[in-house]
Structures are given as C-alpha cells and as structure tokens.
C-alpha cells in the first residue's frame, strides 16, 4: 500500500495543473506522478530532467530502455520494471531480449556497445566509482556527451527506484512479473 496519498488534479496549484494535463494518458495519471505531485514543484523539475535525459542522453530509445530495465533489476524496482517493459516493447525490444537482461553476461542477445552499457550500469549500481575498465569499455563505444547522458540516466532511474520503493508505489495494473508471466 502506498505510503503517501495519491494527489488529485484539484489538489495542486492551478498554475501547475498543466503538468498534470501533459502527463495523463486517456485521462489517467500514473501512480508515480500522483505520488510525486504531493510536491508539485519537485515533480515538475523531475519531469523536466527526465524529458531531457530521454531526448538528449545520446541513446536510441531501445538502448535507453535496456539501461533503464537493467537498473530496475539491480534496484529490485517492480514499478520501474513494469512500466519500462511496456515502453521497451513499444521501442521494439522483444520479450527474449528483455528477459535476457537478468543474465546478460551469459546471453548472446546484446551487441558490443550494449554489453559495454550493461557492464557500466552494473558497475555504477555497485559503486559510485565504477572501474576504469567499465568506463573505458563504455567510452570505446560512445562519445563523451553520451557517456555523460548514460551516467545521468542510470543515476536518475536509480533515484526513481528509491522513490518508488520508499513510498511503496504500486503498479496501475497487475505486475507483468520479473519473468514476464503477467
């Protein structure tokens, strides 16, 4: 059960209700945003950073989703996994590739650049000081601007996982399952 109330549109200041309107789908606002809207100024700032990372990280949509999904696994974030399985599928990721993220090192489903990215995701989740080897491998496949985008993207979704877990935010529908059985 969520630890904070879900905010309604009328609960946020009128000058910020546009944030609500821009983030609804079929009139519904995701639970993560209904929780974040308890502090609408920070919610708006969170969305602005997220939008910048989605559009300017230097990664294509499918590769971005691989990084986010791997981050969700490492942080045991059910909500993040659930949401980004759907987004990843829309980006063209097969269920096989999504599932392979659980044991990506033993899989042949990923390219060299994707493997370097996943190694970096793992290294950054394990330590705030990823190894020189992980950084060097990433830098061999991505330019400096994209390396910055990757680092910030991973950090953003690690922070998001902590937010979701800290407030026990539940998925909007039945959980897809870690093995996509749902």
N, C-alpha and C. Protein backbone atom coordinates (compact mmCIF):
# COMPACT_ATOMS: atom_id res chain seq x y z
N UNK A 1 0.84 -1.18 0.00
CA UNK A 1 0.00 0.00 0.00
C UNK A 1 0.88 1.24 0.00
N UNK A 2 0.53 2.20 -0.83
CA UNK A 2 1.31 3.43 -0.96
C UNK A 2 1.37 4.17 0.38
N UNK A 3 2.51 4.76 0.65
CA UNK A 3 2.73 5.44 1.93
C UNK A 3 2.31 6.90 1.93
N UNK A 4 2.02 7.43 0.76
CA UNK A 4 1.52 8.80 0.65
C UNK A 4 0.22 8.78 -0.14
N UNK A 5 -0.62 9.76 0.09
CA UNK A 5 -1.88 9.80 -0.68
C UNK A 5 -1.61 10.11 -2.15
N UNK A 6 -2.47 9.59 -3.01
CA UNK A 6 -2.43 9.96 -4.41
C UNK A 6 -3.11 11.31 -4.54
N UNK A 7 -2.43 12.22 -5.18
CA UNK A 7 -2.94 13.58 -5.36
C UNK A 7 -3.95 13.59 -6.50
N UNK A 8 -4.92 14.44 -6.37
CA UNK A 8 -5.88 14.71 -7.45
C UNK A 8 -5.49 16.02 -8.11
N UNK A 9 -5.92 16.20 -9.33
CA UNK A 9 -5.57 17.41 -10.08
C UNK A 9 -5.93 18.67 -9.31
N UNK A 10 -7.08 18.69 -8.69
CA UNK A 10 -7.54 19.88 -7.96
C UNK A 10 -6.68 20.19 -6.74
N UNK A 11 -5.87 19.22 -6.30
CA UNK A 11 -5.02 19.42 -5.12
C UNK A 11 -3.76 20.22 -5.41
N UNK A 12 -3.39 20.35 -6.67
CA UNK A 12 -2.15 21.06 -6.99
C UNK A 12 -2.49 22.49 -7.42
N UNK A 13 -1.55 23.41 -7.24
CA UNK A 13 -1.82 24.80 -7.61
C UNK A 13 -2.25 24.92 -9.08
N UNK A 14 -3.14 25.82 -9.32
CA UNK A 14 -3.69 26.00 -10.67
C UNK A 14 -2.60 26.23 -11.71
N UNK A 15 -1.57 26.97 -11.34
CA UNK A 15 -0.51 27.27 -12.31
C UNK A 15 0.34 26.05 -12.65
N UNK A 16 0.19 24.95 -11.91
CA UNK A 16 0.92 23.72 -12.21
C UNK A 16 0.03 22.60 -12.73
N UNK A 17 -1.24 22.86 -12.90
CA UNK A 17 -2.15 21.82 -13.39
C UNK A 17 -1.84 21.42 -14.83
N UNK A 18 -1.15 22.26 -15.57
CA UNK A 18 -0.73 21.89 -16.92
C UNK A 18 0.21 20.68 -16.89
N UNK A 19 1.00 20.55 -15.81
CA UNK A 19 1.91 19.41 -15.68
C UNK A 19 1.08 18.12 -15.62
N UNK A 20 0.03 18.16 -14.87
CA UNK A 20 -0.90 17.02 -14.77
C UNK A 20 -1.46 16.70 -16.15
N UNK A 21 -1.97 17.72 -16.81
CA UNK A 21 -2.63 17.54 -18.11
C UNK A 21 -1.69 16.95 -19.15
N UNK A 22 -0.44 17.36 -19.15
CA UNK A 22 0.53 16.87 -20.14
C UNK A 22 0.99 15.44 -19.89
N UNK A 23 0.74 14.91 -18.72
CA UNK A 23 1.27 13.61 -18.36
C UNK A 23 0.21 12.54 -18.15
N UNK A 24 -1.03 12.85 -18.52
CA UNK A 24 -2.09 11.85 -18.43
C UNK A 24 -2.18 11.08 -19.74
N UNK A 25 -2.63 9.85 -19.62
CA UNK A 25 -2.91 9.01 -20.78
C UNK A 25 -4.34 8.52 -20.62
N UNK A 26 -5.17 8.86 -21.59
CA UNK A 26 -6.59 8.50 -21.51
C UNK A 26 -7.20 9.00 -20.21
N UNK A 27 -6.79 10.18 -19.78
CA UNK A 27 -7.34 10.80 -18.57
C UNK A 27 -6.76 10.30 -17.27
N UNK A 28 -5.84 9.35 -17.32
CA UNK A 28 -5.26 8.79 -16.09
C UNK A 28 -3.81 9.23 -15.93
N UNK A 29 -3.44 9.53 -14.70
CA UNK A 29 -2.06 9.89 -14.39
C UNK A 29 -1.42 8.71 -13.67
N UNK A 30 -0.23 8.27 -14.11
CA UNK A 30 0.43 7.14 -13.44
C UNK A 30 0.62 7.38 -11.94
N UNK A 31 0.61 6.30 -11.19
CA UNK A 31 0.72 6.38 -9.74
C UNK A 31 2.01 7.07 -9.27
N UNK A 32 3.09 6.87 -9.99
CA UNK A 32 4.34 7.53 -9.60
C UNK A 32 4.14 9.05 -9.59
N UNK A 33 3.44 9.57 -10.58
CA UNK A 33 3.24 11.02 -10.66
C UNK A 33 2.20 11.50 -9.66
N UNK A 34 1.20 10.68 -9.39
CA UNK A 34 0.20 11.05 -8.38
C UNK A 34 0.83 11.09 -6.99
N UNK A 35 1.89 10.33 -6.80
CA UNK A 35 2.62 10.37 -5.54
C UNK A 35 3.56 11.57 -5.52
N UNK A 36 4.33 11.75 -6.59
CA UNK A 36 5.24 12.89 -6.67
C UNK A 36 4.53 14.23 -6.58
N UNK A 37 3.31 14.27 -7.06
CA UNK A 37 2.55 15.53 -7.07
C UNK A 37 2.23 16.04 -5.66
N UNK A 38 2.57 15.25 -4.64
CA UNK A 38 2.49 15.78 -3.27
C UNK A 38 3.43 16.97 -3.12
N UNK A 39 4.44 17.06 -3.97
CA UNK A 39 5.32 18.23 -4.04
C UNK A 39 5.38 18.63 -5.51
N UNK A 40 4.41 19.42 -5.98
CA UNK A 40 4.29 19.67 -7.43
C UNK A 40 5.49 20.40 -8.05
N UNK A 41 6.17 21.23 -7.29
CA UNK A 41 7.34 21.93 -7.84
C UNK A 41 8.44 20.91 -8.16
N UNK A 42 8.72 20.00 -7.22
CA UNK A 42 9.74 18.99 -7.47
C UNK A 42 9.30 17.99 -8.53
N UNK A 43 8.02 17.68 -8.57
CA UNK A 43 7.50 16.79 -9.61
C UNK A 43 7.78 17.38 -10.99
N UNK A 44 7.48 18.67 -11.15
CA UNK A 44 7.75 19.33 -12.44
C UNK A 44 9.24 19.28 -12.78
N UNK A 45 10.10 19.53 -11.81
CA UNK A 45 11.55 19.51 -12.04
C UNK A 45 12.01 18.09 -12.40
N UNK A 46 11.47 17.09 -11.72
CA UNK A 46 11.79 15.70 -12.02
C UNK A 46 11.44 15.38 -13.47
N UNK A 47 10.27 15.79 -13.90
CA UNK A 47 9.82 15.53 -15.27
C UNK A 47 10.70 16.24 -16.29
N UNK A 48 11.09 17.46 -15.99
CA UNK A 48 11.94 18.20 -16.91
C UNK A 48 13.29 17.50 -17.10
N UNK A 49 13.89 17.06 -16.01
CA UNK A 49 15.15 16.34 -16.12
C UNK A 49 14.95 15.03 -16.87
N UNK A 50 13.90 14.30 -16.54
CA UNK A 50 13.62 13.04 -17.23
C UNK A 50 13.42 13.23 -18.72
N UNK A 51 12.68 14.25 -19.09
CA UNK A 51 12.47 14.52 -20.52
C UNK A 51 13.79 14.84 -21.22
N UNK A 52 14.64 15.61 -20.56
CA UNK A 52 15.95 15.93 -21.16
C UNK A 52 16.79 14.67 -21.31
N UNK A 53 16.77 13.80 -20.31
CA UNK A 53 17.55 12.56 -20.39
C UNK A 53 17.01 11.64 -21.48
N UNK A 54 15.69 11.57 -21.63
CA UNK A 54 15.10 10.73 -22.68
C UNK A 54 15.50 11.23 -24.06
N UNK A 55 15.52 12.53 -24.25
CA UNK A 55 15.73 13.07 -25.60
C UNK A 55 17.18 13.43 -25.90
N UNK A 56 18.01 13.61 -24.86
CA UNK A 56 19.37 14.09 -25.10
C UNK A 56 20.46 13.23 -24.47
N UNK A 57 20.13 12.02 -24.05
CA UNK A 57 21.16 11.17 -23.45
C UNK A 57 22.15 10.66 -24.49
N UNK A 58 21.76 10.68 -25.75
CA UNK A 58 22.61 10.17 -26.82
C UNK A 58 22.29 8.74 -27.20
N UNK A 59 21.35 8.12 -26.51
CA UNK A 59 20.96 6.74 -26.80
C UNK A 59 19.67 6.70 -27.61
N UNK A 60 19.56 5.70 -28.49
CA UNK A 60 18.27 5.50 -29.15
C UNK A 60 17.31 4.92 -28.12
N UNK A 61 16.03 4.92 -28.43
CA UNK A 61 15.00 4.55 -27.46
C UNK A 61 15.20 3.12 -26.94
N UNK A 62 15.44 2.17 -27.81
CA UNK A 62 15.58 0.78 -27.38
C UNK A 62 16.79 0.61 -26.44
N UNK A 63 17.90 1.24 -26.77
CA UNK A 63 19.10 1.12 -25.94
C UNK A 63 18.89 1.82 -24.60
N UNK A 64 18.23 2.95 -24.64
CA UNK A 64 17.89 3.64 -23.39
C UNK A 64 17.06 2.73 -22.49
N UNK A 65 16.10 2.03 -23.09
CA UNK A 65 15.24 1.14 -22.29
C UNK A 65 16.01 -0.05 -21.74
N UNK A 66 17.00 -0.55 -22.46
CA UNK A 66 17.85 -1.61 -21.91
C UNK A 66 18.52 -1.13 -20.62
N UNK A 67 19.05 0.08 -20.64
CA UNK A 67 19.73 0.63 -19.46
C UNK A 67 18.74 0.81 -18.31
N UNK A 68 17.55 1.31 -18.60
CA UNK A 68 16.56 1.53 -17.54
C UNK A 68 16.08 0.20 -16.96
N UNK A 69 15.80 -0.76 -17.83
CA UNK A 69 15.34 -2.06 -17.35
C UNK A 69 16.41 -2.76 -16.50
N UNK A 70 17.66 -2.68 -16.91
CA UNK A 70 18.72 -3.28 -16.11
C UNK A 70 18.83 -2.58 -14.76
N UNK A 71 18.67 -1.26 -14.75
CA UNK A 71 18.67 -0.51 -13.49
C UNK A 71 17.53 -0.97 -12.60
N UNK A 72 16.36 -1.18 -13.18
CA UNK A 72 15.21 -1.65 -12.41
C UNK A 72 15.50 -3.01 -11.77
N UNK A 73 16.14 -3.89 -12.52
CA UNK A 73 16.50 -5.21 -11.98
C UNK A 73 17.44 -5.04 -10.79
N UNK A 74 18.48 -4.26 -10.96
CA UNK A 74 19.50 -4.11 -9.93
C UNK A 74 18.96 -3.45 -8.66
N UNK A 75 17.94 -2.62 -8.81
CA UNK A 75 17.34 -1.95 -7.65
C UNK A 75 16.06 -2.64 -7.18
N UNK A 76 15.74 -3.76 -7.81
CA UNK A 76 14.53 -4.53 -7.44
C UNK A 76 13.28 -3.65 -7.47
N UNK A 77 13.18 -2.82 -8.50
CA UNK A 77 12.08 -1.88 -8.61
C UNK A 77 10.97 -2.46 -9.49
N UNK A 78 9.96 -3.04 -8.84
CA UNK A 78 8.84 -3.64 -9.56
C UNK A 78 8.15 -2.63 -10.46
N UNK A 79 7.85 -1.46 -9.91
CA UNK A 79 7.12 -0.45 -10.67
C UNK A 79 7.92 -0.03 -11.90
N UNK A 80 9.19 0.26 -11.71
CA UNK A 80 10.04 0.70 -12.82
C UNK A 80 10.13 -0.40 -13.89
N UNK A 81 10.33 -1.64 -13.46
CA UNK A 81 10.37 -2.77 -14.38
C UNK A 81 9.06 -2.86 -15.15
N UNK A 82 7.96 -2.85 -14.43
CA UNK A 82 6.63 -2.98 -15.02
C UNK A 82 6.40 -1.92 -16.11
N UNK A 83 6.66 -0.67 -15.77
CA UNK A 83 6.43 0.42 -16.73
C UNK A 83 7.35 0.31 -17.94
N UNK A 84 8.62 0.00 -17.69
CA UNK A 84 9.58 0.03 -18.79
C UNK A 84 9.60 -1.24 -19.62
N UNK A 85 9.02 -2.31 -19.14
CA UNK A 85 8.78 -3.46 -20.02
C UNK A 85 7.83 -3.02 -21.13
N UNK A 86 6.78 -2.32 -20.76
CA UNK A 86 5.82 -1.84 -21.76
C UNK A 86 6.46 -0.83 -22.72
N UNK A 87 7.24 0.09 -22.18
CA UNK A 87 7.91 1.09 -23.02
C UNK A 87 8.94 0.41 -23.92
N UNK A 88 9.68 -0.54 -23.37
CA UNK A 88 10.68 -1.28 -24.15
C UNK A 88 10.05 -2.05 -25.29
N UNK A 89 8.93 -2.68 -25.02
CA UNK A 89 8.22 -3.40 -26.09
C UNK A 89 7.81 -2.44 -27.20
N UNK A 90 7.30 -1.28 -26.83
CA UNK A 90 6.91 -0.29 -27.85
C UNK A 90 8.12 0.21 -28.63
N UNK A 91 9.30 0.15 -28.00
CA UNK A 91 10.54 0.58 -28.67
C UNK A 91 11.13 -0.53 -29.53
N UNK A 92 10.48 -1.70 -29.54
CA UNK A 92 10.94 -2.78 -30.39
C UNK A 92 11.72 -3.88 -29.69
N UNK A 93 11.86 -3.80 -28.37
CA UNK A 93 12.56 -4.86 -27.66
C UNK A 93 11.67 -6.08 -27.54
N UNK A 94 12.21 -7.23 -27.86
CA UNK A 94 11.46 -8.48 -27.72
C UNK A 94 11.48 -8.91 -26.26
N UNK A 95 10.51 -9.73 -25.89
CA UNK A 95 10.50 -10.28 -24.54
C UNK A 95 11.76 -11.07 -24.28
N UNK A 96 12.29 -11.74 -25.30
CA UNK A 96 13.53 -12.50 -25.12
C UNK A 96 14.69 -11.62 -24.72
N UNK A 97 14.83 -10.47 -25.37
CA UNK A 97 15.92 -9.55 -25.02
C UNK A 97 15.68 -8.92 -23.65
N UNK A 98 14.43 -8.60 -23.36
CA UNK A 98 14.13 -8.04 -22.04
C UNK A 98 14.48 -9.04 -20.95
N UNK A 99 14.05 -10.28 -21.12
CA UNK A 99 14.36 -11.31 -20.12
C UNK A 99 15.85 -11.58 -20.01
N UNK A 100 16.56 -11.49 -21.12
CA UNK A 100 17.99 -11.75 -21.12
C UNK A 100 18.76 -10.74 -20.26
N UNK A 101 18.14 -9.60 -19.95
CA UNK A 101 18.79 -8.62 -19.09
C UNK A 101 19.08 -9.15 -17.70
N UNK A 102 18.33 -10.15 -17.26
CA UNK A 102 18.58 -10.72 -15.93
C UNK A 102 19.96 -11.38 -15.86
N UNK A 103 20.38 -11.97 -16.97
CA UNK A 103 21.68 -12.68 -17.02
C UNK A 103 22.39 -12.31 -18.33
N UNK A 104 22.56 -11.02 -18.54
CA UNK A 104 23.04 -10.53 -19.82
C UNK A 104 24.45 -11.03 -20.17
N UNK A 105 25.28 -11.25 -19.16
CA UNK A 105 26.65 -11.70 -19.44
C UNK A 105 26.67 -13.07 -20.13
N UNK A 106 25.69 -13.91 -19.82
CA UNK A 106 25.63 -15.26 -20.39
C UNK A 106 24.81 -15.30 -21.68
N UNK A 107 24.34 -14.16 -22.12
CA UNK A 107 23.46 -14.10 -23.29
C UNK A 107 24.21 -13.59 -24.52
N UNK A 108 23.79 -14.05 -25.68
CA UNK A 108 24.33 -13.52 -26.93
C UNK A 108 23.34 -12.55 -27.58
N UNK A 109 22.39 -12.05 -26.79
CA UNK A 109 21.33 -11.17 -27.31
C UNK A 109 21.76 -9.71 -27.43
N UNK A 110 22.98 -9.38 -27.02
CA UNK A 110 23.38 -7.98 -26.96
C UNK A 110 24.64 -7.72 -27.78
N UNK A 111 24.67 -6.56 -28.41
CA UNK A 111 25.81 -6.14 -29.21
C UNK A 111 26.96 -5.70 -28.30
N UNK A 112 28.10 -5.46 -28.89
CA UNK A 112 29.25 -4.96 -28.13
C UNK A 112 28.96 -3.67 -27.40
N UNK A 113 28.39 -2.66 -28.07
CA UNK A 113 28.05 -1.42 -27.35
C UNK A 113 27.03 -1.65 -26.23
N UNK A 114 26.04 -2.51 -26.48
CA UNK A 114 25.04 -2.79 -25.44
C UNK A 114 25.68 -3.49 -24.25
N UNK A 115 26.60 -4.39 -24.50
CA UNK A 115 27.29 -5.09 -23.42
C UNK A 115 28.13 -4.12 -22.59
N UNK A 116 28.79 -3.19 -23.25
CA UNK A 116 29.57 -2.17 -22.52
C UNK A 116 28.64 -1.30 -21.67
N UNK A 117 27.49 -0.96 -22.22
CA UNK A 117 26.49 -0.18 -21.49
C UNK A 117 26.00 -0.94 -20.27
N UNK A 118 25.64 -2.21 -20.45
CA UNK A 118 25.13 -3.00 -19.34
C UNK A 118 26.19 -3.22 -18.27
N UNK A 119 27.43 -3.40 -18.68
CA UNK A 119 28.53 -3.51 -17.71
C UNK A 119 28.64 -2.23 -16.89
N UNK A 120 28.49 -1.09 -17.56
CA UNK A 120 28.57 0.19 -16.86
C UNK A 120 27.39 0.37 -15.91
N UNK A 121 26.20 -0.01 -16.34
CA UNK A 121 25.02 0.05 -15.46
C UNK A 121 25.30 -0.76 -14.19
N UNK A 122 25.79 -1.97 -14.36
CA UNK A 122 26.09 -2.83 -13.21
C UNK A 122 27.16 -2.20 -12.32
N UNK A 123 28.21 -1.68 -12.94
CA UNK A 123 29.31 -1.10 -12.17
C UNK A 123 28.86 0.12 -11.39
N UNK A 124 28.05 0.96 -12.00
CA UNK A 124 27.58 2.17 -11.32
C UNK A 124 26.58 1.84 -10.22
N UNK A 125 25.80 0.79 -10.40
CA UNK A 125 24.87 0.37 -9.35
C UNK A 125 25.64 -0.21 -8.15
N UNK A 126 26.78 -0.82 -8.41
CA UNK A 126 27.57 -1.44 -7.35
C UNK A 126 28.42 -0.44 -6.58
N UNK A 127 28.79 0.66 -7.24
CA UNK A 127 29.69 1.63 -6.61
C UNK A 127 29.54 2.98 -7.28
N UNK A 128 29.72 4.02 -6.50
CA UNK A 128 29.73 5.36 -7.09
C UNK A 128 31.00 5.63 -7.88
N UNK A 129 31.91 4.67 -7.85
CA UNK A 129 33.19 4.78 -8.55
C UNK A 129 33.36 3.54 -9.42
N UNK A 130 32.67 3.50 -10.58
CA UNK A 130 32.83 2.33 -11.45
C UNK A 130 34.29 2.18 -11.87
N UNK A 131 34.66 0.97 -12.16
CA UNK A 131 36.06 0.68 -12.50
C UNK A 131 36.49 1.40 -13.78
N UNK A 132 37.80 1.59 -13.88
CA UNK A 132 38.36 2.17 -15.10
C UNK A 132 38.02 1.30 -16.31
N UNK A 133 38.00 -0.01 -16.11
CA UNK A 133 37.69 -0.93 -17.21
C UNK A 133 36.27 -0.72 -17.72
N UNK A 134 35.32 -0.56 -16.80
CA UNK A 134 33.92 -0.34 -17.21
C UNK A 134 33.79 0.99 -17.94
N UNK A 135 34.45 2.02 -17.43
CA UNK A 135 34.39 3.33 -18.09
C UNK A 135 35.05 3.29 -19.46
N UNK A 136 36.22 2.68 -19.53
CA UNK A 136 36.95 2.61 -20.80
C UNK A 136 36.15 1.86 -21.85
N UNK A 137 35.55 0.74 -21.46
CA UNK A 137 34.73 -0.03 -22.41
C UNK A 137 33.55 0.80 -22.91
N UNK A 138 32.92 1.53 -22.02
CA UNK A 138 31.80 2.39 -22.43
C UNK A 138 32.28 3.47 -23.39
N UNK A 139 33.40 4.11 -23.04
CA UNK A 139 33.93 5.20 -23.85
C UNK A 139 34.43 4.74 -25.22
N UNK A 140 34.70 3.45 -25.37
CA UNK A 140 35.10 2.92 -26.68
C UNK A 140 33.92 2.88 -27.66
N UNK A 141 32.72 2.87 -27.12
CA UNK A 141 31.53 2.74 -27.97
C UNK A 141 30.68 4.01 -28.03
N UNK A 142 30.85 4.91 -27.07
CA UNK A 142 30.00 6.10 -27.01
C UNK A 142 30.87 7.34 -26.82
N UNK A 143 30.46 8.45 -27.44
CA UNK A 143 31.22 9.69 -27.28
C UNK A 143 31.02 10.26 -25.87
N UNK A 144 31.80 11.26 -25.53
CA UNK A 144 31.78 11.83 -24.18
C UNK A 144 30.41 12.37 -23.79
N UNK A 145 29.73 13.01 -24.72
CA UNK A 145 28.40 13.53 -24.43
C UNK A 145 27.44 12.41 -24.05
N UNK A 146 27.50 11.31 -24.78
CA UNK A 146 26.62 10.18 -24.49
C UNK A 146 27.01 9.50 -23.19
N UNK A 147 28.30 9.42 -22.88
CA UNK A 147 28.73 8.85 -21.61
C UNK A 147 28.15 9.65 -20.44
N UNK A 148 28.16 10.97 -20.57
CA UNK A 148 27.52 11.82 -19.54
C UNK A 148 26.03 11.50 -19.47
N UNK A 149 25.38 11.41 -20.62
CA UNK A 149 23.95 11.09 -20.64
C UNK A 149 23.65 9.75 -20.01
N UNK A 150 24.47 8.76 -20.29
CA UNK A 150 24.28 7.41 -19.72
C UNK A 150 24.42 7.46 -18.20
N UNK A 151 25.46 8.13 -17.72
CA UNK A 151 25.68 8.20 -16.29
C UNK A 151 24.49 8.88 -15.60
N UNK A 152 24.03 9.98 -16.13
CA UNK A 152 22.90 10.69 -15.54
C UNK A 152 21.61 9.87 -15.64
N UNK A 153 21.41 9.19 -16.76
CA UNK A 153 20.22 8.36 -16.94
C UNK A 153 20.18 7.25 -15.89
N UNK A 154 21.29 6.57 -15.69
CA UNK A 154 21.36 5.49 -14.70
C UNK A 154 21.10 6.05 -13.30
N UNK A 155 21.72 7.17 -13.00
CA UNK A 155 21.50 7.78 -11.69
C UNK A 155 20.06 8.21 -11.48
N UNK A 156 19.46 8.77 -12.50
CA UNK A 156 18.06 9.21 -12.44
C UNK A 156 17.14 8.04 -12.15
N UNK A 157 17.35 6.92 -12.84
CA UNK A 157 16.47 5.78 -12.63
C UNK A 157 16.80 5.03 -11.34
N UNK A 158 18.02 5.14 -10.86
CA UNK A 158 18.33 4.63 -9.52
C UNK A 158 17.59 5.45 -8.47
N UNK A 159 17.60 6.77 -8.63
CA UNK A 159 16.86 7.65 -7.73
C UNK A 159 15.36 7.35 -7.82
N UNK A 160 14.87 7.15 -9.03
CA UNK A 160 13.45 6.84 -9.22
C UNK A 160 13.09 5.54 -8.51
N UNK A 161 13.94 4.54 -8.61
CA UNK A 161 13.69 3.27 -7.93
C UNK A 161 13.61 3.48 -6.41
N UNK A 162 14.47 4.30 -5.89
CA UNK A 162 14.44 4.58 -4.44
C UNK A 162 13.17 5.32 -4.05
N UNK A 163 12.74 6.25 -4.88
CA UNK A 163 11.47 6.95 -4.63
C UNK A 163 10.31 5.97 -4.61
N UNK A 164 10.24 5.14 -5.63
CA UNK A 164 9.13 4.19 -5.75
C UNK A 164 9.12 3.20 -4.58
N UNK A 165 10.29 2.69 -4.22
CA UNK A 165 10.37 1.75 -3.11
C UNK A 165 10.10 2.42 -1.77
N UNK A 166 10.63 3.61 -1.59
CA UNK A 166 10.45 4.32 -0.33
C UNK A 166 8.99 4.63 -0.03
N UNK A 167 8.21 4.84 -1.09
CA UNK A 167 6.80 5.16 -0.90
C UNK A 167 5.87 4.01 -1.27
N UNK A 168 6.47 2.84 -1.58
CA UNK A 168 5.68 1.65 -1.91
C UNK A 168 4.62 1.94 -2.98
N UNK A 169 5.03 2.62 -4.03
CA UNK A 169 4.11 2.96 -5.12
C UNK A 169 3.78 1.69 -5.90
N UNK A 170 2.51 1.42 -6.04
CA UNK A 170 2.05 0.21 -6.71
C UNK A 170 1.80 0.46 -8.20
N UNK A 171 1.96 -0.62 -8.98
CA UNK A 171 1.68 -0.54 -10.41
C UNK A 171 0.19 -0.29 -10.62
N UNK A 172 -0.14 0.28 -11.77
CA UNK A 172 -1.54 0.60 -12.07
C UNK A 172 -2.37 -0.65 -12.35
N UNK A 173 -1.75 -1.66 -12.85
CA UNK A 173 -2.44 -2.91 -13.14
C UNK A 173 -1.64 -4.07 -12.59
N UNK A 174 -2.03 -5.28 -12.89
CA UNK A 174 -1.27 -6.43 -12.40
C UNK A 174 0.18 -6.39 -12.89
N UNK A 175 1.10 -6.67 -11.98
CA UNK A 175 2.53 -6.67 -12.28
C UNK A 175 2.84 -7.66 -13.41
N UNK A 176 3.64 -7.20 -14.38
CA UNK A 176 3.98 -8.07 -15.52
C UNK A 176 4.83 -9.26 -15.09
N UNK A 177 5.45 -9.18 -13.95
CA UNK A 177 6.29 -10.26 -13.46
C UNK A 177 7.73 -10.10 -13.92
N UNK A 178 8.64 -10.50 -13.06
CA UNK A 178 10.06 -10.42 -13.40
C UNK A 178 10.39 -11.33 -14.57
N UNK A 179 9.61 -12.38 -14.78
CA UNK A 179 9.83 -13.29 -15.91
C UNK A 179 8.75 -13.11 -16.97
N UNK A 180 8.05 -11.98 -16.92
CA UNK A 180 7.02 -11.58 -17.88
C UNK A 180 5.89 -12.60 -17.97
N UNK A 181 5.54 -13.16 -16.86
CA UNK A 181 4.44 -14.11 -16.85
C UNK A 181 3.10 -13.41 -16.71
N UNK A 182 3.11 -12.11 -16.36
CA UNK A 182 1.84 -11.39 -16.16
C UNK A 182 1.40 -10.65 -17.38
